[in-house]
């Protein structure tokens, strides 16, 4: 299943999928408070997490 997934891990015995964004397939995620940068094929995407939704803020693609 492709995309970035947001999980609720309040219950450490069971992760619950809260939301999913299929805008980008990430190789790595760099968290920063309520936002994160995803390393994607050919560049980076920046996302915000607002009210359990994943919102694309912008991206930088190498040419």
N, C-alpha and C. Protein backbone atom coordinates (compact mmCIF):
# COMPACT_ATOMS: atom_id res chain seq x y z
N UNK A 1 0.86 -1.18 0.00
CA UNK A 1 0.00 0.00 0.00
C UNK A 1 0.90 1.24 0.00
N UNK A 2 0.76 2.08 -0.98
CA UNK A 2 1.63 3.25 -1.13
C UNK A 2 1.09 4.45 -0.36
N UNK A 3 1.98 5.37 -0.05
CA UNK A 3 1.58 6.62 0.59
C UNK A 3 2.14 6.77 1.99
N UNK A 4 1.82 7.91 2.60
CA UNK A 4 2.24 8.23 3.96
C UNK A 4 1.05 8.00 4.87
N UNK A 5 1.28 7.31 5.97
CA UNK A 5 0.19 6.97 6.89
C UNK A 5 0.42 7.60 8.26
N UNK A 6 -0.66 8.07 8.88
CA UNK A 6 -0.62 8.65 10.21
C UNK A 6 -1.31 7.68 11.16
N UNK A 7 -0.58 7.23 12.19
CA UNK A 7 -1.10 6.26 13.15
C UNK A 7 -1.24 6.88 14.52
N UNK A 8 -2.27 6.46 15.26
CA UNK A 8 -2.43 6.79 16.67
C UNK A 8 -1.79 5.65 17.45
N UNK A 9 -0.76 5.97 18.24
CA UNK A 9 -0.07 4.93 19.02
C UNK A 9 -0.26 5.15 20.52
N UNK A 10 -1.40 5.76 20.88
CA UNK A 10 -1.71 5.94 22.30
C UNK A 10 -1.72 4.60 23.01
N UNK A 11 -2.37 3.61 22.40
CA UNK A 11 -2.34 2.24 22.92
C UNK A 11 -1.14 1.56 22.28
N UNK A 12 -0.07 1.39 23.03
CA UNK A 12 1.19 0.87 22.49
C UNK A 12 1.07 -0.57 21.99
N UNK A 13 -0.01 -1.27 22.36
CA UNK A 13 -0.17 -2.65 21.90
C UNK A 13 -0.86 -2.73 20.55
N UNK A 14 -1.46 -1.60 20.10
CA UNK A 14 -2.18 -1.63 18.83
C UNK A 14 -2.14 -0.25 18.17
N UNK A 15 -1.47 -0.14 17.04
CA UNK A 15 -1.45 1.12 16.28
C UNK A 15 -2.72 1.20 15.44
N UNK A 16 -3.37 2.37 15.46
CA UNK A 16 -4.61 2.58 14.72
C UNK A 16 -4.37 3.59 13.61
N UNK A 17 -4.70 3.22 12.37
CA UNK A 17 -4.55 4.12 11.23
C UNK A 17 -5.55 5.26 11.37
N UNK A 18 -5.05 6.50 11.37
CA UNK A 18 -5.90 7.69 11.52
C UNK A 18 -6.17 8.33 10.16
N UNK A 19 -5.12 8.42 9.33
CA UNK A 19 -5.28 9.06 8.03
C UNK A 19 -4.17 8.60 7.10
N UNK A 20 -4.38 8.81 5.80
CA UNK A 20 -3.39 8.40 4.80
C UNK A 20 -3.34 9.44 3.70
N UNK A 21 -2.14 9.69 3.18
CA UNK A 21 -1.97 10.62 2.06
C UNK A 21 -1.15 9.89 1.01
N UNK A 22 -1.71 9.74 -0.19
CA UNK A 22 -1.01 9.01 -1.24
C UNK A 22 -0.29 9.94 -2.21
N UNK A 23 -0.06 11.19 -1.80
CA UNK A 23 0.63 12.16 -2.64
C UNK A 23 2.06 11.73 -2.95
N UNK A 24 2.71 11.10 -2.00
CA UNK A 24 4.12 10.76 -2.19
C UNK A 24 4.45 9.43 -1.53
N UNK A 25 5.36 8.70 -2.14
CA UNK A 25 5.93 7.51 -1.52
C UNK A 25 7.24 7.94 -0.87
N UNK A 26 7.32 7.82 0.42
CA UNK A 26 8.47 8.34 1.16
C UNK A 26 9.50 7.25 1.41
N UNK A 27 10.78 7.62 1.24
CA UNK A 27 11.88 6.75 1.63
C UNK A 27 12.20 6.94 3.10
N UNK A 28 12.05 8.17 3.58
CA UNK A 28 12.39 8.51 4.96
C UNK A 28 11.53 9.70 5.38
N UNK A 29 11.25 9.81 6.66
CA UNK A 29 10.45 10.91 7.19
C UNK A 29 11.24 11.60 8.30
N UNK A 30 11.32 12.94 8.23
CA UNK A 30 12.03 13.74 9.22
C UNK A 30 10.99 14.56 9.97
N UNK A 31 10.65 14.17 11.22
CA UNK A 31 9.61 14.89 11.97
C UNK A 31 10.10 16.24 12.49
N UNK A 32 9.16 17.17 12.64
CA UNK A 32 9.45 18.49 13.19
C UNK A 32 8.15 19.04 13.80
N UNK A 33 7.86 18.67 15.03
CA UNK A 33 6.63 19.12 15.68
C UNK A 33 5.40 18.58 14.96
N UNK A 34 4.50 19.48 14.54
CA UNK A 34 3.29 19.08 13.82
C UNK A 34 3.49 19.08 12.31
N UNK A 35 4.74 19.01 11.88
CA UNK A 35 5.02 18.93 10.45
C UNK A 35 6.13 17.91 10.25
N UNK A 36 6.36 17.54 9.00
CA UNK A 36 7.46 16.64 8.70
C UNK A 36 7.87 16.82 7.25
N UNK A 37 9.10 16.42 6.97
CA UNK A 37 9.63 16.41 5.62
C UNK A 37 9.79 14.96 5.21
N UNK A 38 9.29 14.62 4.03
CA UNK A 38 9.42 13.27 3.50
C UNK A 38 10.43 13.29 2.36
N UNK A 39 11.37 12.36 2.42
CA UNK A 39 12.31 12.19 1.32
C UNK A 39 11.61 11.30 0.29
N UNK A 40 11.39 11.86 -0.90
CA UNK A 40 10.64 11.17 -1.94
C UNK A 40 11.54 10.95 -3.16
N UNK A 41 11.13 10.12 -4.10
CA UNK A 41 11.94 9.97 -5.31
C UNK A 41 12.16 11.32 -5.99
N UNK A 42 13.40 11.74 -6.10
CA UNK A 42 13.73 12.98 -6.81
C UNK A 42 13.65 14.25 -6.00
N UNK A 43 13.45 14.17 -4.68
CA UNK A 43 13.39 15.41 -3.90
C UNK A 43 12.80 15.25 -2.51
N UNK A 44 12.08 16.29 -2.07
CA UNK A 44 11.50 16.34 -0.72
C UNK A 44 10.08 16.88 -0.80
N UNK A 45 9.21 16.44 0.11
CA UNK A 45 7.87 17.01 0.27
C UNK A 45 7.70 17.43 1.72
N UNK A 46 7.06 18.57 1.95
CA UNK A 46 6.77 19.05 3.31
C UNK A 46 5.28 18.91 3.58
N UNK A 47 4.97 18.39 4.77
CA UNK A 47 3.59 18.16 5.16
C UNK A 47 3.33 18.77 6.53
N UNK A 48 2.09 19.17 6.78
CA UNK A 48 1.61 19.55 8.11
C UNK A 48 0.59 18.52 8.55
N UNK A 49 0.51 18.30 9.86
CA UNK A 49 -0.53 17.45 10.43
C UNK A 49 -1.47 18.37 11.19
N UNK A 50 -2.71 18.48 10.71
CA UNK A 50 -3.71 19.37 11.30
C UNK A 50 -4.98 18.56 11.54
N UNK A 51 -5.42 18.50 12.79
CA UNK A 51 -6.64 17.76 13.13
C UNK A 51 -6.64 16.35 12.54
N UNK A 52 -5.55 15.64 12.70
CA UNK A 52 -5.38 14.26 12.23
C UNK A 52 -5.44 14.12 10.71
N UNK A 53 -5.26 15.20 9.97
CA UNK A 53 -5.17 15.09 8.51
C UNK A 53 -3.75 15.45 8.07
N UNK A 54 -3.32 14.87 6.97
CA UNK A 54 -1.98 15.11 6.43
C UNK A 54 -2.13 16.04 5.24
N UNK A 55 -1.56 17.25 5.35
CA UNK A 55 -1.71 18.26 4.30
C UNK A 55 -0.37 18.56 3.66
N UNK A 56 -0.31 18.44 2.33
CA UNK A 56 0.90 18.77 1.59
C UNK A 56 1.09 20.28 1.59
N UNK A 57 2.26 20.74 2.03
CA UNK A 57 2.57 22.17 2.08
C UNK A 57 3.34 22.58 0.83
N UNK A 58 4.31 21.77 0.43
CA UNK A 58 5.10 22.08 -0.75
C UNK A 58 6.11 20.99 -1.01
N UNK A 59 6.75 21.06 -2.17
CA UNK A 59 7.77 20.07 -2.47
C UNK A 59 8.89 20.67 -3.30
N UNK A 60 10.04 20.05 -3.19
CA UNK A 60 11.23 20.44 -3.93
C UNK A 60 11.66 19.22 -4.73
N UNK A 61 11.66 19.36 -6.05
CA UNK A 61 12.04 18.26 -6.94
C UNK A 61 13.32 18.63 -7.66
N UNK A 62 14.27 17.71 -7.66
CA UNK A 62 15.53 17.93 -8.37
C UNK A 62 15.31 17.78 -9.86
N UNK A 63 15.95 18.63 -10.64
CA UNK A 63 15.86 18.55 -12.12
C UNK A 63 17.18 18.08 -12.66
